[in-house]
C-alpha atoms as a PDB file:
ATOM      1  CA  UNK A   1      27.938 109.159 -17.247  1.00  0.00           C
ATOM      2  CA  UNK A   2      30.103 106.553 -18.174  1.00  0.00           C
ATOM      3  CA  UNK A   3      31.384 104.674 -15.353  1.00  0.00           C
ATOM      4  CA  UNK A   4      34.873 103.732 -15.046  1.00  0.00           C
ATOM      5  CA  UNK A   5      34.498 100.218 -14.020  1.00  0.00           C
ATOM      6  CA  UNK A   6      32.560  99.250 -17.193  1.00  0.00           C
ATOM      7  CA  UNK A   7      34.479  98.071 -20.138  1.00  0.00           C
ATOM      8  CA  UNK A   8      33.610  98.725 -23.694  1.00  0.00           C
ATOM      9  CA  UNK A   9      34.773  97.104 -26.846  1.00  0.00           C
ATOM     10  CA  UNK A  10      33.844  97.158 -30.381  1.00  0.00           C
ATOM     11  CA  UNK A  11      32.740  93.695 -31.444  1.00  0.00           C
ATOM     12  CA  UNK A  12      30.900  92.566 -34.529  1.00  0.00           C
ATOM     13  CA  UNK A  13      27.258  91.826 -33.859  1.00  0.00           C
ATOM     14  CA  UNK A  14      26.825  88.747 -36.113  1.00  0.00           C
ATOM     15  CA  UNK A  15      28.664  86.239 -33.865  1.00  0.00           C
ATOM     16  CA  UNK A  16      26.691  87.485 -30.894  1.00  0.00           C
ATOM     17  CA  UNK A  17      23.486  87.142 -32.841  1.00  0.00           C
ATOM     18  CA  UNK A  18      24.444  83.569 -33.774  1.00  0.00           C
ATOM     19  CA  UNK A  19      25.153  82.755 -30.148  1.00  0.00           C
ATOM     20  CA  UNK A  20      21.814  84.218 -29.103  1.00  0.00           C
ATOM     21  CA  UNK A  21      19.997  82.152 -31.744  1.00  0.00           C
ATOM     22  CA  UNK A  22      21.839  79.044 -30.681  1.00  0.00           C
ATOM     23  CA  UNK A  23      20.917  79.678 -27.052  1.00  0.00           C
ATOM     24  CA  UNK A  24      17.287  80.152 -28.025  1.00  0.00           C
ATOM     25  CA  UNK A  25      17.318  76.885 -29.950  1.00  0.00           C
ATOM     26  CA  UNK A  26      18.947  75.041 -27.078  1.00  0.00           C
ATOM     27  CA  UNK A  27      16.560  76.501 -24.566  1.00  0.00           C
ATOM     28  CA  UNK A  28      13.521  75.710 -26.671  1.00  0.00           C
ATOM     29  CA  UNK A  29      14.684  72.189 -27.540  1.00  0.00           C
ATOM     30  CA  UNK A  30      15.900  71.386 -24.065  1.00  0.00           C
ATOM     31  CA  UNK A  31      12.537  72.352 -22.603  1.00  0.00           C
ATOM     32  CA  UNK A  32      10.738  69.945 -24.910  1.00  0.00           C
ATOM     33  CA  UNK A  33      13.263  67.176 -24.327  1.00  0.00           C
ATOM     34  CA  UNK A  34      13.293  67.847 -20.629  1.00  0.00           C
ATOM     35  CA  UNK A  35       9.533  67.628 -20.461  1.00  0.00           C
ATOM     36  CA  UNK A  36       9.487  64.358 -22.410  1.00  0.00           C
ATOM     37  CA  UNK A  37      12.294  62.939 -20.301  1.00  0.00           C
ATOM     38  CA  UNK A  38      10.482  63.916 -17.114  1.00  0.00           C
ATOM     39  CA  UNK A  39       7.235  62.401 -18.370  1.00  0.00           C
ATOM     40  CA  UNK A  40       9.046  59.165 -19.301  1.00  0.00           C
ATOM     41  CA  UNK A  41      10.705  59.055 -15.890  1.00  0.00           C
ATOM     42  CA  UNK A  42       7.328  59.582 -14.225  1.00  0.00           C
ATOM     43  CA  UNK A  43       5.837  56.753 -16.340  1.00  0.00           C
ATOM     44  CA  UNK A  44       8.717  54.472 -15.400  1.00  0.00           C
ATOM     45  CA  UNK A  45       8.296  55.311 -11.720  1.00  0.00           C
ATOM     46  CA  UNK A  46       4.546  54.579 -11.975  1.00  0.00           C
ATOM     47  CA  UNK A  47       5.165  51.220 -13.688  1.00  0.00           C
ATOM     48  CA  UNK A  48       7.806  50.397 -11.117  1.00  0.00           C
ATOM     49  CA  UNK A  49       5.378  51.215  -8.318  1.00  0.00           C
ATOM     50  CA  UNK A  50       2.701  49.008  -9.931  1.00  0.00           C
ATOM     51  CA  UNK A  51       5.180  46.138 -10.161  1.00  0.00           C
ATOM     52  CA  UNK A  52       6.152  46.604  -6.538  1.00  0.00           C
ATOM     53  CA  UNK A  53       2.468  46.608  -5.528  1.00  0.00           C
ATOM     54  CA  UNK A  54       1.761  43.432  -7.535  1.00  0.00           C
ATOM     55  CA  UNK A  55       4.839  41.713  -6.094  1.00  0.00           C
ATOM     56  CA  UNK A  56       3.755  42.654  -2.586  1.00  0.00           C
ATOM     57  CA  UNK A  57       0.249  41.266  -3.222  1.00  0.00           C
ATOM     58  CA  UNK A  58       1.568  38.021  -4.718  1.00  0.00           C
ATOM     59  CA  UNK A  59       4.077  37.708  -1.888  1.00  0.00           C
ATOM     60  CA  UNK A  60       1.258  38.070   0.638  1.00  0.00           C
ATOM     61  CA  UNK A  61      -0.856  35.499  -1.221  1.00  0.00           C
ATOM     62  CA  UNK A  62       2.093  33.106  -1.357  1.00  0.00           C
ATOM     63  CA  UNK A  63       2.782  33.573   2.343  1.00  0.00           C
ATOM     64  CA  UNK A  64      -0.892  32.839   3.132  1.00  0.00           C
ATOM     65  CA  UNK A  65      -0.834  29.662   1.003  1.00  0.00           C
ATOM     66  CA  UNK A  66       2.452  28.562   2.571  1.00  0.00           C
ATOM     67  CA  UNK A  67       0.999  29.094   6.039  1.00  0.00           C
ATOM     68  CA  UNK A  68      -1.807  26.650   5.116  1.00  0.00           C
ATOM     69  CA  UNK A  69       0.686  24.018   3.960  1.00  0.00           C
ATOM     70  CA  UNK A  70       1.767  22.596   7.388  1.00  0.00           C
ATOM     71  CA  UNK A  71      -1.858  21.943   8.349  1.00  0.00           C
ATOM     72  CA  UNK A  72      -2.501  20.182   5.060  1.00  0.00           C
ATOM     73  CA  UNK A  73       0.682  18.127   5.474  1.00  0.00           C
ATOM     74  CA  UNK A  74      -0.411  17.092   8.970  1.00  0.00           C
ATOM     75  CA  UNK A  75      -3.794  16.057   7.572  1.00  0.00           C
ATOM     76  CA  UNK A  76      -2.086  14.060   4.821  1.00  0.00           C
ATOM     77  CA  UNK A  77       0.172  12.284   7.326  1.00  0.00           C
ATOM     78  CA  UNK A  78      -2.860  11.452   9.488  1.00  0.00           C
ATOM     79  CA  UNK A  79      -4.736  10.060   6.483  1.00  0.00           C
ATOM     80  CA  UNK A  80      -1.720   7.953   5.482  1.00  0.00           C
ATOM     81  CA  UNK A  81      -1.423   6.574   9.015  1.00  0.00           C
ATOM     82  CA  UNK A  82      -5.135   5.677   8.977  1.00  0.00           C
ATOM     83  CA  UNK A  83      -4.723   3.966   5.609  1.00  0.00           C
ATOM     84  CA  UNK A  84      -1.735   1.949   6.810  1.00  0.00           C
ATOM     85  CA  UNK A  85      -3.532   0.862   9.986  1.00  0.00           C
ATOM     86  CA  UNK A  86      -6.585  -0.116   7.895  1.00  0.00           C
ATOM     87  CA  UNK A  87      -4.405  -2.206   5.579  1.00  0.00           C
ATOM     88  CA  UNK A  88      -2.711  -3.892   8.549  1.00  0.00           C
ATOM     89  CA  UNK A  89      -6.053  -4.649  10.202  1.00  0.00           C
ATOM     90  CA  UNK A  90      -7.536  -6.116   7.032  1.00  0.00           C
ATOM     91  CA  UNK A  91      -4.422  -8.262   6.537  1.00  0.00           C
ATOM     92  CA  UNK A  92      -4.683  -9.595  10.090  1.00  0.00           C
ATOM     93  CA  UNK A  93      -8.391 -10.367   9.653  1.00  0.00           C
ATOM     94  CA  UNK A  94      -7.728 -12.264   6.435  1.00  0.00           C
ATOM     95  CA  UNK A  95      -4.891 -14.278   7.940  1.00  0.00           C
ATOM     96  CA  UNK A  96      -6.966 -15.071  11.053  1.00  0.00           C
ATOM     97  CA  UNK A  97      -9.992 -16.097   8.948  1.00  0.00           C
ATOM     98  CA  UNK A  98      -7.879 -18.352   6.752  1.00  0.00           C
ATOM     99  CA  UNK A  99      -6.435 -20.371   9.624  1.00  0.00           C
ATOM    100  CA  UNK A 100      -9.784 -21.297  11.155  1.00  0.00           C
ATOM    101  CA  UNK A 101     -12.474 -21.495   8.508  1.00  0.00           C
ATOM    102  CA  UNK A 102     -10.822 -21.862   5.141  1.00  0.00           C
ATOM    103  CA  UNK A 103      -7.955 -24.186   6.027  1.00  0.00           C
ATOM    104  CA  UNK A 104     -10.105 -26.992   7.491  1.00  0.00           C
ATOM    105  CA  UNK A 105     -11.586 -28.061   4.116  1.00  0.00           C
ATOM    106  CA  UNK A 106      -8.127 -27.811   2.574  1.00  0.00           C
ATOM    107  CA  UNK A 107      -6.634 -30.001   5.297  1.00  0.00           C
ATOM    108  CA  UNK A 108      -9.415 -32.560   4.799  1.00  0.00           C
ATOM    109  CA  UNK A 109      -8.750 -32.640   1.048  1.00  0.00           C
ATOM    110  CA  UNK A 110      -5.008 -33.034   1.621  1.00  0.00           C
ATOM    111  CA  UNK A 111      -5.639 -35.915   4.068  1.00  0.00           C
ATOM    112  CA  UNK A 112      -7.889 -37.591   1.517  1.00  0.00           C
ATOM    113  CA  UNK A 113      -5.222 -37.167  -1.156  1.00  0.00           C
ATOM    114  CA  UNK A 114      -2.577 -38.655   1.162  1.00  0.00           C
ATOM    115  CA  UNK A 115      -4.774 -41.712   1.788  1.00  0.00           C
ATOM    116  CA  UNK A 116      -5.434 -42.129  -1.931  1.00  0.00           C
ATOM    117  CA  UNK A 117      -1.732 -41.832  -2.723  1.00  0.00           C
ATOM    118  CA  UNK A 118      -0.920 -44.380  -0.013  1.00  0.00           C
ATOM    119  CA  UNK A 119      -3.385 -46.929  -1.428  1.00  0.00           C
ATOM    120  CA  UNK A 120      -2.071 -46.320  -4.955  1.00  0.00           C
ATOM    121  CA  UNK A 121       1.474 -46.810  -3.674  1.00  0.00           C
ATOM    122  CA  UNK A 122       0.508 -50.101  -1.987  1.00  0.00           C
ATOM    123  CA  UNK A 123      -1.160 -51.332  -5.171  1.00  0.00           C
ATOM    124  CA  UNK A 124       1.893 -50.337  -7.191  1.00  0.00           C
ATOM    125  CA  UNK A 125       4.132 -52.284  -4.795  1.00  0.00           C
ATOM    126  CA  UNK A 126       1.901 -55.364  -5.138  1.00  0.00           C
ATOM    127  CA  UNK A 127       1.946 -54.977  -8.925  1.00  0.00           C
ATOM    128  CA  UNK A 128       5.748 -54.795  -8.901  1.00  0.00           C
ATOM    129  CA  UNK A 129       5.975 -57.980  -6.840  1.00  0.00           C
ATOM    130  CA  UNK A 130       3.675 -59.795  -9.280  1.00  0.00           C
ATOM    131  CA  UNK A 131       5.683 -58.532 -12.229  1.00  0.00           C
ATOM    132  CA  UNK A 132       8.884 -59.751 -10.570  1.00  0.00           C
ATOM    133  CA  UNK A 133       7.363 -63.210 -10.049  1.00  0.00           C
ATOM    134  CA  UNK A 134       6.172 -63.320 -13.651  1.00  0.00           C
ATOM    135  CA  UNK A 135       9.576 -62.291 -14.974  1.00  0.00           C
ATOM    136  CA  UNK A 136      11.241 -64.982 -12.824  1.00  0.00           C
ATOM    137  CA  UNK A 137       8.852 -67.604 -14.168  1.00  0.00           C
ATOM    138  CA  UNK A 138       9.490 -66.515 -17.715  1.00  0.00           C
ATOM    139  CA  UNK A 139      13.262 -66.585 -17.270  1.00  0.00           C
ATOM    140  CA  UNK A 140      13.305 -69.923 -15.424  1.00  0.00           C
ATOM    141  CA  UNK A 141      13.712 -72.799 -17.880  1.00  0.00           C
ATOM    142  CA  UNK A 142      11.032 -75.380 -17.640  1.00  0.00           C
ATOM    143  CA  UNK A 143      12.010 -78.949 -17.025  1.00  0.00           C
ATOM    144  CA  UNK A 144      12.457 -80.692 -20.307  1.00  0.00           C
ATOM    145  CA  UNK A 145       9.962 -83.450 -20.846  1.00  0.00           C
ATOM    146  CA  UNK A 146      11.003 -86.397 -22.823  1.00  0.00           C
ATOM    147  CA  UNK A 147       9.367 -86.495 -26.175  1.00  0.00           C
ATOM    148  CA  UNK A 148       7.265 -89.536 -26.808  1.00  0.00           C
ATOM    149  CA  UNK A 149       8.835 -91.907 -29.252  1.00  0.00           C
ATOM    150  CA  UNK A 150       6.660 -92.537 -32.153  1.00  0.00           C
ATOM    151  CA  UNK A 151       7.463 -94.421 -35.239  1.00  0.00           C
ATOM    152  CA  UNK A 152       8.631 -92.182 -37.981  1.00  0.00           C
ATOM    153  CA  UNK A 153       5.938 -92.689 -40.360  1.00  0.00           C
ATOM    154  CA  UNK A 154       4.164 -90.092 -42.183  1.00  0.00           C
ATOM    155  CA  UNK A 155       0.648 -89.714 -41.131  1.00  0.00           C
ATOM    156  CA  UNK A 156      -1.875 -89.444 -43.796  1.00  0.00           C
ATOM    157  CA  UNK A 157      -4.256 -87.480 -41.617  1.00  0.00           C
ATOM    158  CA  UNK A 158      -3.652 -83.876 -40.758  1.00  0.00           C
ATOM    159  CA  UNK A 159      -2.356 -82.947 -37.306  1.00  0.00           C
ATOM    160  CA  UNK A 160      -4.832 -81.614 -34.706  1.00  0.00           C
ATOM    161  CA  UNK A 161      -5.139 -77.805 -34.509  1.00  0.00           C
ATOM    162  CA  UNK A 162      -6.030 -77.669 -30.809  1.00  0.00           C
ATOM    163  CA  UNK A 163      -3.319 -76.698 -28.371  1.00  0.00           C
ATOM    164  CA  UNK A 164      -1.578 -79.355 -26.401  1.00  0.00           C
ATOM    165  CA  UNK A 165      -2.272 -77.764 -23.066  1.00  0.00           C
ATOM    166  CA  UNK A 166      -4.767 -75.223 -21.898  1.00  0.00           C
ATOM    167  CA  UNK A 167      -3.532 -71.705 -21.069  1.00  0.00           C
ATOM    168  CA  UNK A 168      -4.409 -70.211 -17.692  1.00  0.00           C
ATOM    169  CA  UNK A 169      -5.043 -66.486 -17.228  1.00  0.00           C
ATOM    170  CA  UNK A 170      -2.644 -64.608 -14.945  1.00  0.00           C
ATOM    171  CA  UNK A 171      -4.227 -62.985 -11.917  1.00  0.00           C
ATOM    172  CA  UNK A 172      -2.980 -59.530 -11.308  1.00  0.00           C
END
């Protein structure tokens, strides 16, 4: 009953028993670790999928907002053009209104000031001529009059206090 192709040996049982125990420990521990590793991998895959979903949603929202941007930019450009044309029109109205209505009183005032300055200038010229004549008269020596010859006697009466000749006012 023994077959020839089977081999038999005499081996101590204790090392085999230790190997069996070690295999049992490895199998039992590897199952627990394997289960925890698989559960962690599944959790990671789920979180990754959630992130991908959120990124896809935010990407779609961003694309929608970016698609609205050209229309808003066109509206902004139109509003800026309207503002610029309004500013130009108001500037033209102000400049046109100034030339007709507001400048006439200013021109009248300037004309009046020119006339006043002209009359003041003429009066100043006349005043300068009079001052020149007066300065010439002051600088010109008067003709010396001969002094009357009186005897050199001492008068006992005081001399008169009235001026010898009457002063005339100068017309300016």
